[in-house]
Amino acid sequence: MRRTKSIPRFVDLPFSYPRIKVKQWTKRRMEAYCEDTDGCWMVDDMTIYVCKSLPARRKRYVYAHELLHAVHDWMLWCHYEGVTD
């Protein structure tokens, strides 16, 4: 039996960037918080939200997609904090 890889509960990026939380929510809660979507990145609370009722493969895709948004914000943060100078 092949083990399904699950998504993490948090992500730590370098240079003292705040920890990114990863939460899996019901479809109903997702729709109330993130409009009509399977996932979202909320920089205000440093959290990636993923719909927990998705199939595992789709869930991993949505997580990876939202992580790219988080990494983009991290890159901007590094620039403005002078980390990349």
C-alpha atoms as a PDB file:
ATOM      1  CA  MET A   1       0.000   0.000   0.000  1.00  0.00           C
ATOM      2  CA  ARG A   2       1.357   3.402  -0.994  1.00  0.00           C
ATOM      3  CA  ARG A   3       1.267   6.074   1.699  1.00  0.00           C
ATOM      4  CA  THR A   4      -0.342   9.383   0.737  1.00  0.00           C
ATOM      5  CA  LYS A   5       1.796  12.388   1.467  1.00  0.00           C
ATOM      6  CA  SER A   6      -0.030  14.900   3.618  1.00  0.00           C
ATOM      7  CA  ILE A   7       0.452  18.637   3.625  1.00  0.00           C
ATOM      8  CA  PRO A   8       2.332  20.182   6.564  1.00  0.00           C
ATOM      9  CA  ARG A   9       0.741  22.167   9.392  1.00  0.00           C
ATOM     10  CA  PHE A  10       3.317  24.943   9.142  1.00  0.00           C
ATOM     11  CA  VAL A  11       6.187  26.224   6.976  1.00  0.00           C
ATOM     12  CA  ASP A  12       9.314  28.038   8.139  1.00  0.00           C
ATOM     13  CA  LEU A  13      11.115  30.267   5.650  1.00  0.00           C
ATOM     14  CA  PRO A  14      14.598  31.680   6.336  1.00  0.00           C
ATOM     15  CA  PHE A  15      15.741  35.027   7.734  1.00  0.00           C
ATOM     16  CA  SER A  16      13.380  35.190  10.725  1.00  0.00           C
ATOM     17  CA  TYR A  17      10.239  35.419   8.611  1.00  0.00           C
ATOM     18  CA  PRO A  18       7.160  34.651  10.728  1.00  0.00           C
ATOM     19  CA  ARG A  19       6.013  31.012  10.665  1.00  0.00           C
ATOM     20  CA  ILE A  20       3.386  30.246   8.038  1.00  0.00           C
ATOM     21  CA  LYS A  21       0.472  28.210   9.364  1.00  0.00           C
ATOM     22  CA  VAL A  22      -1.395  25.747   7.142  1.00  0.00           C
ATOM     23  CA  LYS A  23      -5.026  25.030   8.011  1.00  0.00           C
ATOM     24  CA  GLN A  24      -7.495  22.653   6.402  1.00  0.00           C
ATOM     25  CA  TRP A  25     -11.070  23.846   6.580  1.00  0.00           C
ATOM     26  CA  THR A  26     -14.466  22.562   5.486  1.00  0.00           C
ATOM     27  CA  LYS A  27     -15.835  23.759   2.153  1.00  0.00           C
ATOM     28  CA  ARG A  28     -18.504  25.833   3.939  1.00  0.00           C
ATOM     29  CA  ARG A  29     -15.927  27.637   6.088  1.00  0.00           C
ATOM     30  CA  MET A  30     -13.642  28.160   3.080  1.00  0.00           C
ATOM     31  CA  GLU A  31     -16.450  29.769   1.087  1.00  0.00           C
ATOM     32  CA  ALA A  32     -17.241  32.148   3.948  1.00  0.00           C
ATOM     33  CA  TYR A  33     -13.612  33.184   4.435  1.00  0.00           C
ATOM     34  CA  CYS A  34     -11.971  32.895   1.006  1.00  0.00           C
ATOM     35  CA  GLU A  35     -14.892  33.347  -1.402  1.00  0.00           C
ATOM     36  CA  ASP A  36     -15.450  30.508  -3.900  1.00  0.00           C
ATOM     37  CA  THR A  37     -12.091  28.738  -3.902  1.00  0.00           C
ATOM     38  CA  ASP A  38     -10.261  25.580  -2.871  1.00  0.00           C
ATOM     39  CA  GLY A  39      -7.514  27.473  -1.062  1.00  0.00           C
ATOM     40  CA  CYS A  40      -6.092  30.867  -0.233  1.00  0.00           C
ATOM     41  CA  TRP A  41      -3.067  32.617   1.254  1.00  0.00           C
ATOM     42  CA  MET A  42      -3.864  35.276   3.833  1.00  0.00           C
ATOM     43  CA  VAL A  43      -0.793  37.365   4.536  1.00  0.00           C
ATOM     44  CA  ASP A  44      -2.588  39.222   7.365  1.00  0.00           C
ATOM     45  CA  ASP A  45      -2.630  36.108   9.546  1.00  0.00           C
ATOM     46  CA  MET A  46       0.273  34.300   7.807  1.00  0.00           C
ATOM     47  CA  THR A  47      -1.915  31.320   6.976  1.00  0.00           C
ATOM     48  CA  ILE A  48      -2.501  29.075   3.982  1.00  0.00           C
ATOM     49  CA  TYR A  49      -6.054  27.701   3.950  1.00  0.00           C
ATOM     50  CA  VAL A  50      -6.897  24.513   2.022  1.00  0.00           C
ATOM     51  CA  CYS A  51     -10.274  22.819   1.659  1.00  0.00           C
ATOM     52  CA  LYS A  52     -10.010  19.536   3.554  1.00  0.00           C
ATOM     53  CA  SER A  53     -12.640  17.689   1.514  1.00  0.00           C
ATOM     54  CA  LEU A  54     -10.508  17.761  -1.641  1.00  0.00           C
ATOM     55  CA  PRO A  55      -8.891  14.581  -2.950  1.00  0.00           C
ATOM     56  CA  ALA A  56      -5.285  14.230  -1.725  1.00  0.00           C
ATOM     57  CA  ARG A  57      -3.690  15.044  -5.079  1.00  0.00           C
ATOM     58  CA  ARG A  58      -5.789  18.207  -5.544  1.00  0.00           C
ATOM     59  CA  LYS A  59      -5.133  19.229  -1.931  1.00  0.00           C
ATOM     60  CA  ARG A  60      -1.363  19.008  -2.509  1.00  0.00           C
ATOM     61  CA  TYR A  61      -1.696  21.043  -5.712  1.00  0.00           C
ATOM     62  CA  VAL A  62      -3.724  23.777  -3.972  1.00  0.00           C
ATOM     63  CA  TYR A  63      -1.240  23.855  -1.072  1.00  0.00           C
ATOM     64  CA  ALA A  64       1.707  24.195  -3.480  1.00  0.00           C
ATOM     65  CA  HIS A  65      -0.074  26.955  -5.404  1.00  0.00           C
ATOM     66  CA  GLU A  66      -0.817  28.941  -2.243  1.00  0.00           C
ATOM     67  CA  LEU A  67       2.731  28.370  -0.985  1.00  0.00           C
ATOM     68  CA  LEU A  68       4.002  30.122  -4.115  1.00  0.00           C
ATOM     69  CA  HIS A  69       1.950  33.179  -3.149  1.00  0.00           C
ATOM     70  CA  ALA A  70       3.451  33.028   0.356  1.00  0.00           C
ATOM     71  CA  VAL A  71       6.987  32.729  -1.035  1.00  0.00           C
ATOM     72  CA  HIS A  72       6.367  35.734  -3.275  1.00  0.00           C
ATOM     73  CA  ASP A  73       5.353  37.797  -0.217  1.00  0.00           C
ATOM     74  CA  TRP A  74       8.436  36.490   1.615  1.00  0.00           C
ATOM     75  CA  MET A  75      10.639  37.666  -1.273  1.00  0.00           C
ATOM     76  CA  LEU A  76       9.095  41.137  -1.074  1.00  0.00           C
ATOM     77  CA  TRP A  77       9.582  41.130   2.704  1.00  0.00           C
ATOM     78  CA  CYS A  78      13.257  40.184   2.252  1.00  0.00           C
ATOM     79  CA  HIS A  79      13.715  43.064  -0.179  1.00  0.00           C
ATOM     80  CA  TYR A  80      12.041  45.680   2.012  1.00  0.00           C
ATOM     81  CA  GLU A  81      13.764  44.440   5.194  1.00  0.00           C
ATOM     82  CA  GLY A  82      17.144  44.714   3.468  1.00  0.00           C
ATOM     83  CA  VAL A  83      17.829  40.967   3.763  1.00  0.00           C
ATOM     84  CA  THR A  84      18.845  40.718   0.111  1.00  0.00           C
ATOM     85  CA  ASP A  85      21.151  43.757   0.052  1.00  0.00           C
END
